[in-house]
Amino acid sequence: MPNPIARYAPAVDAAMSAVGAARRALDIDLLDPRVELFADQFGVDVSVIDDDMRRRFLEATGPTAFEVTQAIYVDDYWPRVVVASGEVLGGGRWVADEVAEPTELWPLIEDFMREIARLDTLDPVLTELIRLRGARQHECRLCKSRRSVAALDAGADEEVFEAVDAYADSDLPAATKAALALTDTMIWTPYAVPRRVATDALEHLAPEQVVEVVLDVARNAANKIAVALGADAAAVTDGVELFTTDTDGNLTVYEGDPR
């Protein structure tokens, strides 16, 4: 039986495999203690990476810092996708990524993120709440300063967005709470999915929606790269920026309200 990603999001599965193969082809040394400490904190709680840890990481990696951080992101999140989707929906068969010729990793990660953005089994409000939950857990300043036009057009407002902080005690729908609980599990305890989280996800979400939640969290977690490198400053100092995502998965950010 194919794995859940291949079953319900085959284009994403292909993009994910391409990233995995490219990552395996990279000759990157993560054993320097400064890099190892940075990578460990990236996985546990990226928001805790401070200027001193970042400085030592940059000293160790020099001009390859961005590429190394991309590799750390892949090493961090690809196993989370496998475990979380498998715990809820059953593991299925995962084919080991072939080792590709060395190539630039970032364009493949961008392709992976675009393919996820094209998934449409979740409504725009839930998609935005998943994004905001991750943004606030990772303390991504840029991500927290943006709002989805599609979510606003679907009826969401700041009261709904603020509810994401204490969603379990909110009036949000049961399906939304189940999706956000799975989001938190992906972020904080991906290798120990609580039975209640899995059963609630299966009760309130279709299998393809579970897959989309897991993949949305992985896509949004690319913000950890910017947070880790201290490159996540918001573009606005007052209010929020609005953005849209087109049918090809491309993001457009607006200075004003495009509606």
C-alpha atoms as a PDB file:
ATOM      1  CA  MET A   1       0.000   0.000   0.000  1.00  0.00           C
ATOM      2  CA  PRO A   2       1.386   3.452  -0.871  1.00  0.00           C
ATOM      3  CA  ASN A   3       2.188   5.831   1.941  1.00  0.00           C
ATOM      4  CA  PRO A   4      -0.460   8.464   2.836  1.00  0.00           C
ATOM      5  CA  ILE A   5       1.288  11.291   0.963  1.00  0.00           C
ATOM      6  CA  ALA A   6       1.557   9.229  -2.230  1.00  0.00           C
ATOM      7  CA  ARG A   7      -2.079   8.137  -1.846  1.00  0.00           C
ATOM      8  CA  TYR A   8      -3.668  11.535  -1.332  1.00  0.00           C
ATOM      9  CA  ALA A   9      -1.105  14.065  -2.635  1.00  0.00           C
ATOM     10  CA  PRO A  10       1.005  12.328  -5.298  1.00  0.00           C
ATOM     11  CA  ALA A  11       2.422  15.550  -6.762  1.00  0.00           C
ATOM     12  CA  VAL A  12       3.650  16.565  -3.312  1.00  0.00           C
ATOM     13  CA  ASP A  13       5.091  13.094  -2.787  1.00  0.00           C
ATOM     14  CA  ALA A  14       7.110  13.456  -5.994  1.00  0.00           C
ATOM     15  CA  ALA A  15       8.343  16.910  -4.979  1.00  0.00           C
ATOM     16  CA  MET A  16       9.195  15.646  -1.505  1.00  0.00           C
ATOM     17  CA  SER A  17      11.193  12.780  -2.987  1.00  0.00           C
ATOM     18  CA  ALA A  18      13.104  15.178  -5.232  1.00  0.00           C
ATOM     19  CA  VAL A  19      14.064  17.273  -2.212  1.00  0.00           C
ATOM     20  CA  GLY A  20      15.073  14.183  -0.260  1.00  0.00           C
ATOM     21  CA  ALA A  21      17.269  12.919  -3.097  1.00  0.00           C
ATOM     22  CA  ALA A  22      18.937  16.311  -3.479  1.00  0.00           C
ATOM     23  CA  ARG A  23      19.508  16.527   0.263  1.00  0.00           C
ATOM     24  CA  ARG A  24      21.221  13.138   0.308  1.00  0.00           C
ATOM     25  CA  ALA A  25      23.503  14.272  -2.518  1.00  0.00           C
ATOM     26  CA  LEU A  26      24.746  17.271  -0.527  1.00  0.00           C
ATOM     27  CA  ASP A  27      28.150  16.886   1.067  1.00  0.00           C
ATOM     28  CA  ILE A  28      27.436  18.792   4.277  1.00  0.00           C
ATOM     29  CA  ASP A  29      29.195  18.267   7.586  1.00  0.00           C
ATOM     30  CA  LEU A  30      26.769  18.666  10.489  1.00  0.00           C
ATOM     31  CA  LEU A  31      29.198  17.283  13.064  1.00  0.00           C
ATOM     32  CA  ASP A  32      30.878  20.539  14.024  1.00  0.00           C
ATOM     33  CA  PRO A  33      29.647  21.147  17.604  1.00  0.00           C
ATOM     34  CA  ARG A  34      28.496  24.653  16.674  1.00  0.00           C
ATOM     35  CA  VAL A  35      26.415  23.299  13.788  1.00  0.00           C
ATOM     36  CA  GLU A  36      25.158  20.356  15.808  1.00  0.00           C
ATOM     37  CA  LEU A  37      23.932  22.611  18.618  1.00  0.00           C
ATOM     38  CA  PHE A  38      22.224  24.922  16.106  1.00  0.00           C
ATOM     39  CA  ALA A  39      20.561  21.956  14.353  1.00  0.00           C
ATOM     40  CA  ASP A  40      19.377  20.450  17.628  1.00  0.00           C
ATOM     41  CA  GLN A  41      17.797  23.730  18.725  1.00  0.00           C
ATOM     42  CA  PHE A  42      16.297  24.212  15.249  1.00  0.00           C
ATOM     43  CA  GLY A  43      14.427  20.944  15.741  1.00  0.00           C
ATOM     44  CA  VAL A  44      13.386  21.416  19.357  1.00  0.00           C
ATOM     45  CA  ASP A  45      12.372  25.101  19.393  1.00  0.00           C
ATOM     46  CA  VAL A  46      13.794  27.397  16.747  1.00  0.00           C
ATOM     47  CA  SER A  47      12.565  30.514  18.559  1.00  0.00           C
ATOM     48  CA  VAL A  48      15.213  29.952  21.251  1.00  0.00           C
ATOM     49  CA  ILE A  49      18.144  30.345  18.851  1.00  0.00           C
ATOM     50  CA  ASP A  50      19.824  33.534  20.036  1.00  0.00           C
ATOM     51  CA  ASP A  51      22.420  35.854  18.541  1.00  0.00           C
ATOM     52  CA  ASP A  52      25.333  34.017  20.144  1.00  0.00           C
ATOM     53  CA  MET A  53      24.263  30.579  18.895  1.00  0.00           C
ATOM     54  CA  ARG A  54      23.607  32.070  15.475  1.00  0.00           C
ATOM     55  CA  ARG A  55      27.002  33.796  15.420  1.00  0.00           C
ATOM     56  CA  ARG A  56      28.838  30.571  16.206  1.00  0.00           C
ATOM     57  CA  PHE A  57      26.837  28.702  13.541  1.00  0.00           C
ATOM     58  CA  LEU A  58      27.714  31.354  10.956  1.00  0.00           C
ATOM     59  CA  GLU A  59      31.369  31.160  11.926  1.00  0.00           C
ATOM     60  CA  ALA A  60      31.286  27.401  11.344  1.00  0.00           C
ATOM     61  CA  THR A  61      29.409  27.455   8.038  1.00  0.00           C
ATOM     62  CA  GLY A  62      30.469  30.750   6.444  1.00  0.00           C
ATOM     63  CA  PRO A  63      29.028  31.241   2.946  1.00  0.00           C
ATOM     64  CA  THR A  64      27.237  27.881   3.075  1.00  0.00           C
ATOM     65  CA  ALA A  65      25.042  28.891   6.047  1.00  0.00           C
ATOM     66  CA  PHE A  66      21.819  29.179   4.013  1.00  0.00           C
ATOM     67  CA  GLU A  67      22.373  25.840   2.284  1.00  0.00           C
ATOM     68  CA  VAL A  68      23.216  24.107   5.564  1.00  0.00           C
ATOM     69  CA  THR A  69      20.082  25.529   7.203  1.00  0.00           C
ATOM     70  CA  GLN A  70      17.984  24.234   4.314  1.00  0.00           C
ATOM     71  CA  ALA A  71      19.462  20.779   4.852  1.00  0.00           C
ATOM     72  CA  ILE A  72      18.691  21.009   8.567  1.00  0.00           C
ATOM     73  CA  TYR A  73      15.070  21.882   7.708  1.00  0.00           C
ATOM     74  CA  VAL A  74      14.755  18.825   5.458  1.00  0.00           C
ATOM     75  CA  ASP A  75      16.357  16.573   8.063  1.00  0.00           C
ATOM     76  CA  ASP A  76      13.970  18.023  10.641  1.00  0.00           C
ATOM     77  CA  TYR A  77      10.654  17.861   8.785  1.00  0.00           C
ATOM     78  CA  TRP A  78      10.765  14.978   6.330  1.00  0.00           C
ATOM     79  CA  PRO A  79      10.714  12.399   9.167  1.00  0.00           C
ATOM     80  CA  ARG A  80       7.923  14.325  10.896  1.00  0.00           C
ATOM     81  CA  VAL A  81       5.738  14.026   7.787  1.00  0.00           C
ATOM     82  CA  VAL A  82       6.398  10.290   7.587  1.00  0.00           C
ATOM     83  CA  VAL A  83       5.669   9.617  11.254  1.00  0.00           C
ATOM     84  CA  ALA A  84       2.672  11.918  11.766  1.00  0.00           C
ATOM     85  CA  SER A  85       0.850  10.869   8.594  1.00  0.00           C
ATOM     86  CA  GLY A  86       1.595   7.236   9.331  1.00  0.00           C
ATOM     87  CA  GLU A  87       0.414   7.388  12.935  1.00  0.00           C
ATOM     88  CA  VAL A  88      -2.965   8.781  11.881  1.00  0.00           C
ATOM     89  CA  LEU A  89      -3.564   7.057   8.553  1.00  0.00           C
ATOM     90  CA  GLY A  90      -1.243   4.047   8.518  1.00  0.00           C
ATOM     91  CA  GLY A  91       2.313   4.110   7.268  1.00  0.00           C
ATOM     92  CA  GLY A  92       2.143   2.400   3.911  1.00  0.00           C
ATOM     93  CA  ARG A  93       5.280   1.946   1.834  1.00  0.00           C
ATOM     94  CA  TRP A  94       7.946   4.644   1.660  1.00  0.00           C
ATOM     95  CA  VAL A  95      10.486   4.266  -1.123  1.00  0.00           C
ATOM     96  CA  ALA A  96      13.984   5.431  -0.224  1.00  0.00           C
ATOM     97  CA  ASP A  97      15.009   8.501  -2.190  1.00  0.00           C
ATOM     98  CA  GLU A  98      17.676   7.827  -4.763  1.00  0.00           C
ATOM     99  CA  VAL A  99      20.846   9.842  -4.457  1.00  0.00           C
ATOM    100  CA  ALA A 100      20.680  12.523  -7.142  1.00  0.00           C
ATOM    101  CA  GLU A 101      23.457  14.482  -8.750  1.00  0.00           C
ATOM    102  CA  PRO A 102      24.436  17.419  -6.519  1.00  0.00           C
ATOM    103  CA  THR A 103      22.068  20.301  -7.214  1.00  0.00           C
ATOM    104  CA  GLU A 104      20.822  23.459  -5.556  1.00  0.00           C
ATOM    105  CA  LEU A 105      18.346  22.526  -2.832  1.00  0.00           C
ATOM    106  CA  TRP A 106      16.298  25.715  -2.473  1.00  0.00           C
ATOM    107  CA  PRO A 107      14.480  25.632  -5.857  1.00  0.00           C
ATOM    108  CA  LEU A 108      13.320  22.087  -5.066  1.00  0.00           C
ATOM    109  CA  ILE A 109      12.088  23.148  -1.634  1.00  0.00           C
ATOM    110  CA  GLU A 110      10.177  25.973  -3.333  1.00  0.00           C
ATOM    111  CA  ASP A 111       8.619  23.447  -5.745  1.00  0.00           C
ATOM    112  CA  PHE A 112       7.615  21.310  -2.751  1.00  0.00           C
ATOM    113  CA  MET A 113       5.973  24.306  -1.049  1.00  0.00           C
ATOM    114  CA  ARG A 114       4.117  25.317  -4.212  1.00  0.00           C
ATOM    115  CA  GLU A 115       2.707  21.821  -4.661  1.00  0.00           C
ATOM    116  CA  ILE A 116       1.391  21.876  -1.098  1.00  0.00           C
ATOM    117  CA  ALA A 117      -0.140  25.314  -1.629  1.00  0.00           C
ATOM    118  CA  ARG A 118      -2.112  23.869  -4.549  1.00  0.00           C
ATOM    119  CA  LEU A 119      -3.930  21.372  -2.303  1.00  0.00           C
ATOM    120  CA  ASP A 120      -7.513  22.457  -1.698  1.00  0.00           C
ATOM    121  CA  THR A 121      -9.325  19.993   0.544  1.00  0.00           C
ATOM    122  CA  LEU A 122      -9.185  22.385   3.528  1.00  0.00           C
ATOM    123  CA  ASP A 123     -11.180  25.601   3.590  1.00  0.00           C
ATOM    124  CA  PRO A 124      -9.178  28.869   3.448  1.00  0.00           C
ATOM    125  CA  VAL A 125      -9.885  29.793   7.069  1.00  0.00           C
ATOM    126  CA  LEU A 126      -8.544  26.517   8.424  1.00  0.00           C
ATOM    127  CA  THR A 127      -5.506  26.734   6.144  1.00  0.00           C
ATOM    128  CA  GLU A 128      -4.767  30.200   7.512  1.00  0.00           C
ATOM    129  CA  LEU A 129      -5.270  29.146  11.132  1.00  0.00           C
ATOM    130  CA  ILE A 130      -2.786  26.292  10.654  1.00  0.00           C
ATOM    131  CA  ARG A 131      -0.312  28.762   9.182  1.00  0.00           C
ATOM    132  CA  LEU A 132      -0.788  31.259  12.018  1.00  0.00           C
ATOM    133  CA  ARG A 133      -0.500  28.568  14.683  1.00  0.00           C
ATOM    134  CA  GLY A 134       2.879  27.540  13.284  1.00  0.00           C
ATOM    135  CA  ALA A 135       3.973  31.155  12.906  1.00  0.00           C
ATOM    136  CA  ARG A 136       3.240  31.869  16.551  1.00  0.00           C
ATOM    137  CA  GLN A 137       4.847  28.680  17.824  1.00  0.00           C
ATOM    138  CA  HIS A 138       8.016  29.383  15.849  1.00  0.00           C
ATOM    139  CA  GLU A 139       7.838  33.127  16.603  1.00  0.00           C
ATOM    140  CA  CYS A 140       8.229  34.072  12.936  1.00  0.00           C
ATOM    141  CA  ARG A 141       7.721  37.832  12.944  1.00  0.00           C
ATOM    142  CA  LEU A 142       7.111  38.057   9.198  1.00  0.00           C
ATOM    143  CA  CYS A 143       4.586  35.221   9.181  1.00  0.00           C
ATOM    144  CA  LYS A 144       2.688  36.655  12.145  1.00  0.00           C
ATOM    145  CA  SER A 145       2.353  39.979  10.318  1.00  0.00           C
ATOM    146  CA  ARG A 146       0.524  38.524   7.301  1.00  0.00           C
ATOM    147  CA  ARG A 147      -3.099  37.542   6.652  1.00  0.00           C
ATOM    148  CA  SER A 148      -4.644  35.502   3.867  1.00  0.00           C
ATOM    149  CA  VAL A 149      -7.050  37.326   1.569  1.00  0.00           C
ATOM    150  CA  ALA A 150      -8.830  34.026   0.902  1.00  0.00           C
ATOM    151  CA  ALA A 151      -9.448  33.543   4.628  1.00  0.00           C
ATOM    152  CA  LEU A 152     -10.745  37.091   5.013  1.00  0.00           C
ATOM    153  CA  ASP A 153     -13.023  36.652   2.011  1.00  0.00           C
ATOM    154  CA  ALA A 154     -14.330  33.434   3.598  1.00  0.00           C
ATOM    155  CA  GLY A 155     -15.448  35.385   6.670  1.00  0.00           C
ATOM    156  CA  ALA A 156     -12.481  35.229   9.048  1.00  0.00           C
ATOM    157  CA  ASP A 157     -11.507  38.297  11.082  1.00  0.00           C
ATOM    158  CA  GLU A 158      -8.965  39.119  13.775  1.00  0.00           C
ATOM    159  CA  GLU A 159     -11.177  37.580  16.453  1.00  0.00           C
ATOM    160  CA  VAL A 160     -11.025  34.260  14.609  1.00  0.00           C
ATOM    161  CA  PHE A 161      -7.283  34.585  14.045  1.00  0.00           C
ATOM    162  CA  GLU A 162      -6.655  35.377  17.720  1.00  0.00           C
ATOM    163  CA  ALA A 163      -8.616  32.293  18.748  1.00  0.00           C
ATOM    164  CA  VAL A 164      -5.763  30.155  17.428  1.00  0.00           C
ATOM    165  CA  ASP A 165      -3.737  30.891  20.574  1.00  0.00           C
ATOM    166  CA  ALA A 166      -6.203  29.099  22.874  1.00  0.00           C
ATOM    167  CA  TYR A 167      -8.076  27.070  20.284  1.00  0.00           C
ATOM    168  CA  ALA A 168      -8.908  24.165  22.606  1.00  0.00           C
ATOM    169  CA  ASP A 169     -11.083  26.436  24.744  1.00  0.00           C
ATOM    170  CA  SER A 170     -12.480  28.463  21.853  1.00  0.00           C
ATOM    171  CA  ASP A 171     -15.710  28.329  19.868  1.00  0.00           C
ATOM    172  CA  LEU A 172     -13.872  27.155  16.760  1.00  0.00           C
ATOM    173  CA  PRO A 173     -15.436  24.126  14.998  1.00  0.00           C
ATOM    174  CA  ALA A 174     -14.463  20.646  16.139  1.00  0.00           C
ATOM    175  CA  ALA A 175     -12.731  19.925  12.832  1.00  0.00           C
ATOM    176  CA  THR A 176     -10.618  23.064  13.245  1.00  0.00           C
ATOM    177  CA  LYS A 177      -9.638  22.066  16.779  1.00  0.00           C
ATOM    178  CA  ALA A 178      -8.690  18.590  15.566  1.00  0.00           C
ATOM    179  CA  ALA A 179      -6.547  20.053  12.792  1.00  0.00           C
ATOM    180  CA  LEU A 180      -4.827  22.480  15.163  1.00  0.00           C
ATOM    181  CA  ALA A 181      -4.141  19.720  17.676  1.00  0.00           C
ATOM    182  CA  LEU A 182      -2.471  17.749  14.873  1.00  0.00           C
ATOM    183  CA  THR A 183      -0.557  20.920  13.974  1.00  0.00           C
ATOM    184  CA  ASP A 184       0.762  21.196  17.526  1.00  0.00           C
ATOM    185  CA  THR A 185       1.721  17.532  17.506  1.00  0.00           C
ATOM    186  CA  MET A 186       3.688  17.998  14.290  1.00  0.00           C
ATOM    187  CA  ILE A 187       5.529  20.933  15.859  1.00  0.00           C
ATOM    188  CA  TRP A 188       6.155  19.687  19.393  1.00  0.00           C
ATOM    189  CA  THR A 189       5.760  15.904  19.683  1.00  0.00           C
ATOM    190  CA  PRO A 190       5.950  14.474  16.141  1.00  0.00           C
ATOM    191  CA  TYR A 191       7.351  11.135  17.290  1.00  0.00           C
ATOM    192  CA  ALA A 192       4.726  10.621  19.982  1.00  0.00           C
ATOM    193  CA  VAL A 193       1.356  11.364  18.397  1.00  0.00           C
ATOM    194  CA  PRO A 194      -1.257  11.203  21.197  1.00  0.00           C
ATOM    195  CA  ARG A 195      -4.001   8.667  20.548  1.00  0.00           C
ATOM    196  CA  ARG A 196      -6.642  11.350  21.144  1.00  0.00           C
ATOM    197  CA  VAL A 197      -5.096  13.592  18.484  1.00  0.00           C
ATOM    198  CA  ALA A 198      -5.140  10.766  15.953  1.00  0.00           C
ATOM    199  CA  THR A 199      -8.703   9.651  16.741  1.00  0.00           C
ATOM    200  CA  ASP A 200     -10.038  13.231  16.661  1.00  0.00           C
ATOM    201  CA  ALA A 201      -8.348  13.816  13.316  1.00  0.00           C
ATOM    202  CA  LEU A 202      -9.936  10.677  11.882  1.00  0.00           C
ATOM    203  CA  GLU A 203     -13.331  11.583  13.329  1.00  0.00           C
ATOM    204  CA  HIS A 204     -13.481  15.148  12.044  1.00  0.00           C
ATOM    205  CA  LEU A 205     -11.271  15.161   8.943  1.00  0.00           C
ATOM    206  CA  ALA A 206     -11.229  13.141   5.743  1.00  0.00           C
ATOM    207  CA  PRO A 207      -7.958  11.269   5.058  1.00  0.00           C
ATOM    208  CA  GLU A 208      -6.948  13.722   2.333  1.00  0.00           C
ATOM    209  CA  GLN A 209      -7.556  16.576   4.768  1.00  0.00           C
ATOM    210  CA  VAL A 210      -5.329  14.931   7.371  1.00  0.00           C
ATOM    211  CA  VAL A 211      -2.603  14.739   4.752  1.00  0.00           C
ATOM    212  CA  GLU A 212      -3.093  18.385   3.853  1.00  0.00           C
ATOM    213  CA  VAL A 213      -2.814  19.435   7.505  1.00  0.00           C
ATOM    214  CA  VAL A 214       0.451  17.504   7.894  1.00  0.00           C
ATOM    215  CA  LEU A 215       1.844  18.964   4.678  1.00  0.00           C
ATOM    216  CA  ASP A 216       0.684  22.495   5.490  1.00  0.00           C
ATOM    217  CA  VAL A 217       2.612  22.307   8.751  1.00  0.00           C
ATOM    218  CA  ALA A 218       5.707  21.108   6.891  1.00  0.00           C
ATOM    219  CA  ARG A 219       5.395  23.876   4.311  1.00  0.00           C
ATOM    220  CA  ASN A 220       4.845  26.565   6.911  1.00  0.00           C
ATOM    221  CA  ALA A 221       7.793  25.258   8.931  1.00  0.00           C
ATOM    222  CA  ALA A 222      10.132  26.505   6.219  1.00  0.00           C
ATOM    223  CA  ASN A 223       9.815  29.744   8.179  1.00  0.00           C
ATOM    224  CA  LYS A 224      12.192  28.109  10.664  1.00  0.00           C
ATOM    225  CA  ILE A 225      14.988  28.755   8.164  1.00  0.00           C
ATOM    226  CA  ALA A 226      14.394  32.508   8.331  1.00  0.00           C
ATOM    227  CA  VAL A 227      13.849  32.496  12.099  1.00  0.00           C
ATOM    228  CA  ALA A 228      17.025  30.491  12.694  1.00  0.00           C
ATOM    229  CA  LEU A 229      19.086  32.894  10.595  1.00  0.00           C
ATOM    230  CA  GLY A 230      17.459  36.002  12.088  1.00  0.00           C
ATOM    231  CA  ALA A 231      15.971  36.944   8.714  1.00  0.00           C
ATOM    232  CA  ASP A 232      12.295  36.925   9.700  1.00  0.00           C
ATOM    233  CA  ALA A 233      11.698  40.645  10.362  1.00  0.00           C
ATOM    234  CA  ALA A 234       8.193  41.847   9.483  1.00  0.00           C
ATOM    235  CA  ALA A 235       7.897  44.185   6.507  1.00  0.00           C
ATOM    236  CA  VAL A 236       5.356  46.358   8.340  1.00  0.00           C
ATOM    237  CA  THR A 237       5.559  48.038  11.736  1.00  0.00           C
ATOM    238  CA  ASP A 238       1.819  48.692  12.030  1.00  0.00           C
ATOM    239  CA  GLY A 239      -1.065  46.499  10.950  1.00  0.00           C
ATOM    240  CA  VAL A 240      -0.663  43.499   8.665  1.00  0.00           C
ATOM    241  CA  GLU A 241       0.202  42.652   5.075  1.00  0.00           C
ATOM    242  CA  LEU A 242      -2.287  40.770   2.923  1.00  0.00           C
ATOM    243  CA  PHE A 243      -1.337  37.941   0.597  1.00  0.00           C
ATOM    244  CA  THR A 244      -2.907  35.671  -1.981  1.00  0.00           C
ATOM    245  CA  THR A 245      -1.889  32.270  -3.290  1.00  0.00           C
ATOM    246  CA  ASP A 246      -2.670  31.535  -6.937  1.00  0.00           C
ATOM    247  CA  THR A 247      -3.656  28.206  -8.483  1.00  0.00           C
ATOM    248  CA  ASP A 248      -0.002  27.394  -9.167  1.00  0.00           C
ATOM    249  CA  GLY A 249       0.895  27.861  -5.503  1.00  0.00           C
ATOM    250  CA  ASN A 250       2.667  31.186  -5.947  1.00  0.00           C
ATOM    251  CA  LEU A 251       2.448  33.794  -3.185  1.00  0.00           C
ATOM    252  CA  THR A 252       1.781  37.485  -3.828  1.00  0.00           C
ATOM    253  CA  VAL A 253       2.075  40.011  -0.996  1.00  0.00           C
ATOM    254  CA  TYR A 254       0.336  43.393  -1.283  1.00  0.00           C
ATOM    255  CA  GLU A 255       1.208  46.758   0.192  1.00  0.00           C
ATOM    256  CA  GLY A 256      -2.479  47.660   0.417  1.00  0.00           C
ATOM    257  CA  ASP A 257      -5.771  45.797   0.298  1.00  0.00           C
ATOM    258  CA  PRO A 258      -6.129  44.173  -3.157  1.00  0.00           C
ATOM    259  CA  ARG A 259      -9.863  43.535  -2.786  1.00  0.00           C
END
